[in-house]
Amino acid sequence: MSTTSVFFDTHAHLDYPDFAPDIAQVIERAQAAGITRIVSIGTDFESTRKAIKLAEEFPNVFAAAGWHPNEATTAPEDIRAELHEFARHPKVVAIGETGLDYYRLPSREGGRGATEDETVKRRQAQLFRQHLEVAAAAKLNVIVHQRGNCFHDTIELFAPFSDRVRAVFHCFAGTVEEMQRIVEMGSLVSFTGIVTFKNGQNVRDVVAATPMGKFMLETDCPFLAPVPHRGKRCEPAYVKEIAATIAEVKGCTLDELSAATCGAATSFFNKLALS
């Protein structure tokens, strides 16, 4: 990485216990690697509060407020009041992560089957709509999780809000056609360390097809550490490895990739520009 190339980690889970012993050192290593902004993602109310506390402690850390779809059945019936309150914080830069996850439905986790699956799907959809309503009212954008065979349902729920809210489909591993649909709606995709994996050719193909300025970089740490760190705890400093692979795929310099991805992130997370 050149001395002038800086990058953002637009999706990290710094509140996870994995980082508790050495969070200050994790932030220092990120800064040393040229990662100048980190967005720590809330997955429920407690997680969001921890992300906000980290953002208050570290100048280059920001927070997103949300309730993860995998935890939909444990959420209060209506989470909008709390999300509105979180959204007022000057370092909360987005709503989410939220969305749909059909990969870990009860029938796949030893549950009772299709009836229970439909109950979970309905609850995920209700919470997704609540996030979107708050995002629209708060004039913030939304971080979307979608995993399993749920792209059509995710787009169907998001579309009525797409004139007021932009989305980033994080940890994107869908098809070129799905990426194009997202970009056509004025939204973005984001790529993780999967792009460096030997079996990640499908993601590299999507990277190649995604226009510059329409995607961001993320680690989703502590998960998905890129090569050569695969199998270890991931951390924000590893964006530099993700960036190196994507620059190679795109045939651009690291400085060009920095300008495109940081520009996309600053536009999407509008409070980053105010810091």
Protein backbone atom coordinates (compact mmCIF):
# COMPACT_ATOMS: atom_id res chain seq x y z
CA MET A 1 0.00 0.00 0.00
CA SER A 2 1.37 3.41 -0.89
CA THR A 3 1.76 5.98 1.83
CA THR A 4 -1.08 8.04 0.35
CA SER A 5 -3.65 5.23 0.04
CA VAL A 6 -6.17 5.22 2.87
CA PHE A 7 -9.26 3.08 3.23
CA PHE A 8 -12.33 2.67 5.44
CA ASP A 9 -13.67 -0.47 7.09
CA THR A 10 -17.37 0.13 6.59
CA HIS A 11 -18.60 -2.93 8.49
CA ALA A 12 -16.92 -4.23 11.65
CA HIS A 13 -18.21 -5.79 14.85
CA LEU A 14 -15.84 -4.21 17.33
CA ASP A 15 -18.25 -4.81 20.21
CA TYR A 16 -17.77 -8.59 19.96
CA PRO A 17 -15.96 -10.28 22.88
CA ASP A 18 -13.18 -11.28 20.45
CA PHE A 19 -11.85 -7.71 20.63
CA ALA A 20 -12.32 -6.99 24.34
CA PRO A 21 -8.74 -7.87 25.41
CA ASP A 22 -6.95 -5.63 22.90
CA ILE A 23 -9.39 -3.18 21.32
CA ALA A 24 -6.99 -0.22 21.62
CA GLN A 25 -4.28 -2.18 19.83
CA VAL A 26 -6.76 -3.27 17.13
CA ILE A 27 -7.57 0.39 16.46
CA GLU A 28 -3.87 1.29 16.45
CA ARG A 29 -3.07 -1.45 13.94
CA ALA A 30 -5.87 -0.22 11.70
CA GLN A 31 -4.51 3.31 11.76
CA ALA A 32 -0.99 2.05 11.03
CA ALA A 33 -2.37 0.16 8.02
CA GLY A 34 -4.04 3.32 6.66
CA ILE A 35 -7.59 2.42 7.72
CA THR A 36 -8.81 5.85 8.80
CA ARG A 37 -12.52 5.17 9.46
CA ILE A 38 -14.25 2.15 11.00
CA VAL A 39 -18.02 1.68 11.28
CA SER A 40 -18.92 -0.65 14.16
CA ILE A 41 -22.27 -2.33 13.59
CA GLY A 42 -25.07 -2.84 16.09
CA THR A 43 -26.86 -6.20 16.05
CA ASP A 44 -29.27 -5.51 18.93
CA PHE A 45 -29.76 -2.75 21.48
CA GLU A 46 -26.90 -3.86 23.75
CA SER A 47 -24.57 -4.25 20.78
CA THR A 48 -25.55 -0.83 19.45
CA ARG A 49 -24.85 0.80 22.82
CA LYS A 50 -21.42 -0.83 22.89
CA ALA A 51 -20.72 0.36 19.33
CA ILE A 52 -21.69 3.91 20.29
CA LYS A 53 -19.47 3.76 23.38
CA LEU A 54 -16.53 2.70 21.20
CA ALA A 55 -17.31 5.53 18.80
CA GLU A 56 -17.25 7.98 21.69
CA GLU A 57 -13.91 6.60 22.87
CA PHE A 58 -12.08 6.41 19.54
CA PRO A 59 -12.24 9.36 17.11
CA ASN A 60 -11.95 7.20 13.98
CA VAL A 61 -14.74 4.78 15.02
CA PHE A 62 -18.39 5.35 14.12
CA ALA A 63 -21.51 3.32 14.87
CA ALA A 64 -24.59 1.90 13.17
CA ALA A 65 -27.78 1.11 15.08
CA GLY A 66 -29.73 -2.03 14.28
CA TRP A 67 -31.13 -5.43 15.16
CA HIS A 68 -29.80 -8.40 13.18
CA PRO A 69 -32.40 -10.57 11.39
CA ASN A 70 -30.96 -13.74 12.93
CA GLU A 71 -32.08 -12.35 16.29
CA ALA A 72 -35.52 -11.27 15.07
CA THR A 73 -37.50 -13.53 17.38
CA THR A 74 -35.84 -12.02 20.48
CA ALA A 75 -36.57 -8.42 19.49
CA PRO A 76 -39.25 -6.28 21.13
CA GLU A 77 -42.41 -5.98 19.05
CA ASP A 78 -41.57 -2.41 18.05
CA ILE A 79 -37.97 -1.18 18.06
CA ARG A 80 -38.53 2.15 16.33
CA ALA A 81 -38.43 4.42 19.38
CA GLU A 82 -35.04 3.09 20.45
CA LEU A 83 -33.67 3.27 16.90
CA HIS A 84 -34.83 6.89 16.64
CA GLU A 85 -33.00 7.70 19.85
CA PHE A 86 -29.81 6.02 18.67
CA ALA A 87 -30.04 7.83 15.32
CA ARG A 88 -29.79 11.20 17.08
CA HIS A 89 -26.27 10.44 18.26
CA PRO A 90 -23.72 12.42 16.21
CA LYS A 91 -21.57 9.35 15.55
CA VAL A 92 -24.38 7.00 14.50
CA VAL A 93 -23.93 7.07 10.73
CA ALA A 94 -26.46 4.46 9.55
CA ILE A 95 -29.35 2.19 10.54
CA GLY A 96 -28.61 -1.52 10.56
CA GLU A 97 -27.60 -4.07 10.12
CA THR A 98 -31.03 -5.30 9.19
CA GLY A 99 -32.61 -7.34 6.44
CA LEU A 100 -33.48 -10.98 5.85
CA ASP A 101 -31.68 -14.25 6.49
CA TYR A 102 -33.18 -17.45 5.08
CA TYR A 103 -29.93 -19.36 5.55
CA ARG A 104 -30.44 -19.97 9.27
CA LEU A 105 -34.15 -20.66 9.45
CA PRO A 106 -35.50 -23.05 12.12
CA SER A 107 -35.83 -25.92 9.65
CA ARG A 108 -32.10 -25.69 8.97
CA GLU A 109 -31.26 -25.44 12.66
CA GLY A 110 -33.22 -28.47 13.81
CA GLY A 111 -36.50 -26.61 14.23
CA ARG A 112 -40.02 -27.80 13.48
CA GLY A 113 -40.12 -26.94 9.80
CA ALA A 114 -41.98 -24.80 7.31
CA THR A 115 -44.56 -23.30 9.67
CA GLU A 116 -41.90 -22.04 12.05
CA ASP A 117 -39.84 -20.81 9.10
CA GLU A 118 -42.73 -18.64 7.91
CA THR A 119 -43.15 -17.16 11.39
CA VAL A 120 -39.48 -16.16 11.47
CA LYS A 121 -39.64 -14.75 7.94
CA ARG A 122 -42.62 -12.57 8.84
CA ARG A 123 -40.86 -11.29 11.94
CA GLN A 124 -37.69 -10.50 10.01
CA ALA A 125 -39.77 -8.58 7.44
CA GLN A 126 -41.55 -6.58 10.17
CA LEU A 127 -38.26 -5.54 11.75
CA PHE A 128 -36.73 -4.71 8.37
CA ARG A 129 -39.63 -2.35 7.64
CA GLN A 130 -39.23 -0.71 11.05
CA HIS A 131 -35.54 -0.07 10.34
CA LEU A 132 -36.41 1.40 6.95
CA GLU A 133 -39.05 3.68 8.44
CA VAL A 134 -36.57 5.02 10.99
CA ALA A 135 -33.86 5.44 8.37
CA ALA A 136 -36.21 7.47 6.18
CA ALA A 137 -37.32 9.67 9.06
CA ALA A 138 -33.78 10.17 10.38
CA LYS A 139 -32.35 10.80 6.91
CA LEU A 140 -29.82 8.01 7.36
CA ASN A 141 -29.04 5.13 5.03
CA VAL A 142 -29.39 1.46 5.85
CA ILE A 143 -26.99 -1.48 6.07
CA VAL A 144 -28.66 -4.57 4.61
CA HIS A 145 -27.94 -8.18 5.50
CA GLN A 146 -29.33 -10.72 3.07
CA ARG A 147 -28.32 -14.36 3.12
CA GLY A 148 -29.95 -17.43 1.70
CA ASN A 149 -32.55 -17.38 -1.05
CA CYS A 150 -34.04 -14.03 -0.06
CA PHE A 151 -32.79 -11.45 -2.57
CA HIS A 152 -36.21 -11.00 -4.23
CA ASP A 153 -37.97 -10.60 -0.87
CA THR A 154 -35.31 -8.14 0.32
CA ILE A 155 -35.68 -5.96 -2.76
CA GLU A 156 -39.47 -6.11 -2.56
CA LEU A 157 -39.39 -4.79 1.01
CA PHE A 158 -36.75 -2.16 0.28
CA ALA A 159 -38.19 -0.81 -3.00
CA PRO A 160 -40.94 1.38 -1.45
CA PHE A 161 -38.25 3.24 0.52
CA SER A 162 -35.63 3.49 -2.23
CA ASP A 163 -36.57 7.06 -3.14
CA ARG A 164 -35.72 8.17 0.42
CA VAL A 165 -33.14 5.68 1.68
CA ARG A 166 -30.04 4.18 0.09
CA ALA A 167 -28.85 0.74 1.09
CA VAL A 168 -25.53 -1.00 1.15
CA PHE A 169 -25.85 -4.75 0.67
CA HIS A 170 -22.97 -5.73 2.89
CA CYS A 171 -20.73 -8.79 2.49
CA PHE A 172 -22.07 -9.06 -1.02
CA ALA A 173 -21.74 -12.49 -2.61
CA GLY A 174 -24.65 -12.40 -5.04
CA THR A 175 -24.72 -12.42 -8.81
CA VAL A 176 -23.75 -9.74 -11.31
CA GLU A 177 -27.43 -9.32 -12.14
CA GLU A 178 -28.32 -8.79 -8.49
CA MET A 179 -25.53 -6.23 -8.13
CA GLN A 180 -26.83 -4.40 -11.19
CA ARG A 181 -30.34 -4.31 -9.71
CA ILE A 182 -28.97 -2.78 -6.49
CA VAL A 183 -26.93 -0.17 -8.35
CA GLU A 184 -29.91 0.71 -10.56
CA MET A 185 -31.84 1.56 -7.37
CA GLY A 186 -29.11 4.02 -6.36
CA SER A 187 -27.68 1.74 -3.70
CA LEU A 188 -24.31 0.07 -3.14
CA VAL A 189 -22.66 -3.26 -2.48
CA SER A 190 -19.73 -3.96 -0.18
CA PHE A 191 -17.02 -6.60 -0.43
CA THR A 192 -15.19 -8.55 2.28
CA GLY A 193 -12.18 -10.84 2.53
CA ILE A 194 -14.10 -13.48 0.56
CA VAL A 195 -12.71 -11.73 -2.53
CA THR A 196 -9.27 -13.09 -1.59
CA PHE A 197 -10.37 -16.71 -1.08
CA LYS A 198 -9.35 -19.41 -3.54
CA ASN A 199 -13.05 -20.31 -3.90
CA GLY A 200 -14.08 -16.65 -4.20
CA GLN A 201 -13.95 -16.38 -7.99
CA ASN A 202 -17.68 -15.62 -8.14
CA VAL A 203 -17.13 -12.59 -5.91
CA ARG A 204 -14.14 -11.46 -7.98
CA ASP A 205 -16.32 -11.68 -11.08
CA VAL A 206 -18.89 -9.39 -9.44
CA VAL A 207 -16.14 -6.99 -8.34
CA ALA A 208 -14.93 -6.81 -11.94
CA ALA A 209 -18.45 -5.92 -13.11
CA THR A 210 -19.26 -3.38 -10.38
CA PRO A 211 -18.67 0.24 -11.42
CA MET A 212 -16.10 2.24 -9.49
CA GLY A 213 -17.84 4.41 -6.94
CA LYS A 214 -20.66 1.89 -6.46
CA PHE A 215 -19.01 -0.33 -3.88
CA MET A 216 -17.30 -0.09 -0.51
CA LEU A 217 -14.80 -2.22 1.41
CA GLU A 218 -15.38 -3.99 4.72
CA THR A 219 -14.02 -6.77 6.89
CA ASP A 220 -17.16 -7.95 8.73
CA CYS A 221 -14.61 -8.69 11.45
CA PRO A 222 -14.05 -10.78 13.48
CA PHE A 223 -15.24 -13.00 10.63
CA LEU A 224 -13.92 -13.68 7.10
CA ALA A 225 -10.25 -12.82 7.53
CA PRO A 226 -8.68 -12.43 4.08
CA VAL A 227 -5.74 -14.40 2.76
CA PRO A 228 -3.06 -14.64 4.18
CA HIS A 229 -4.85 -14.36 7.55
CA ARG A 230 -7.65 -16.82 6.76
CA GLY A 231 -8.66 -18.90 9.76
CA LYS A 232 -7.54 -16.23 12.22
CA ARG A 233 -9.50 -13.45 13.89
CA CYS A 234 -10.20 -10.76 11.34
CA GLU A 235 -9.66 -7.09 12.18
CA PRO A 236 -9.99 -3.71 10.42
CA ALA A 237 -6.29 -3.52 9.47
CA TYR A 238 -6.93 -6.35 7.02
CA VAL A 239 -8.85 -4.05 4.69
CA LYS A 240 -5.45 -3.46 3.10
CA GLU A 241 -5.34 -7.06 1.85
CA ILE A 242 -8.89 -6.80 0.54
CA ALA A 243 -7.99 -3.54 -1.21
CA ALA A 244 -4.91 -5.06 -2.83
CA THR A 245 -6.93 -7.92 -4.34
CA ILE A 246 -9.73 -5.64 -5.54
CA ALA A 247 -7.26 -3.20 -7.11
CA GLU A 248 -5.76 -6.12 -9.01
CA VAL A 249 -9.19 -7.31 -10.18
CA LYS A 250 -10.20 -3.78 -11.23
CA GLY A 251 -6.86 -3.01 -12.87
CA CYS A 252 -6.55 0.23 -10.93
CA THR A 253 -4.06 1.72 -8.53
CA LEU A 254 -4.57 1.67 -4.79
CA ASP A 255 -4.91 5.45 -4.84
CA GLU A 256 -7.69 5.20 -7.43
CA LEU A 257 -9.44 2.54 -5.37
CA SER A 258 -9.02 4.64 -2.23
CA ALA A 259 -10.63 7.67 -3.87
CA ALA A 260 -13.54 5.62 -5.24
CA THR A 261 -14.35 3.59 -2.14
CA CYS A 262 -13.77 6.32 0.44
CA GLY A 263 -15.78 8.71 -1.72
CA ALA A 264 -18.64 6.22 -1.91
CA ALA A 265 -18.53 5.68 1.85
CA THR A 266 -18.40 9.39 2.69
CA SER A 267 -21.41 9.99 0.46
CA PHE A 268 -23.32 7.04 1.89
CA PHE A 269 -22.50 7.65 5.57
CA ASN A 270 -23.05 11.40 5.41
CA LYS A 271 -21.96 12.01 9.03
CA LEU A 272 -18.45 10.79 8.17
CA ALA A 273 -17.98 13.93 6.13
CA LEU A 274 -18.72 16.06 9.18
CA SER A 275 -15.96 14.58 11.30
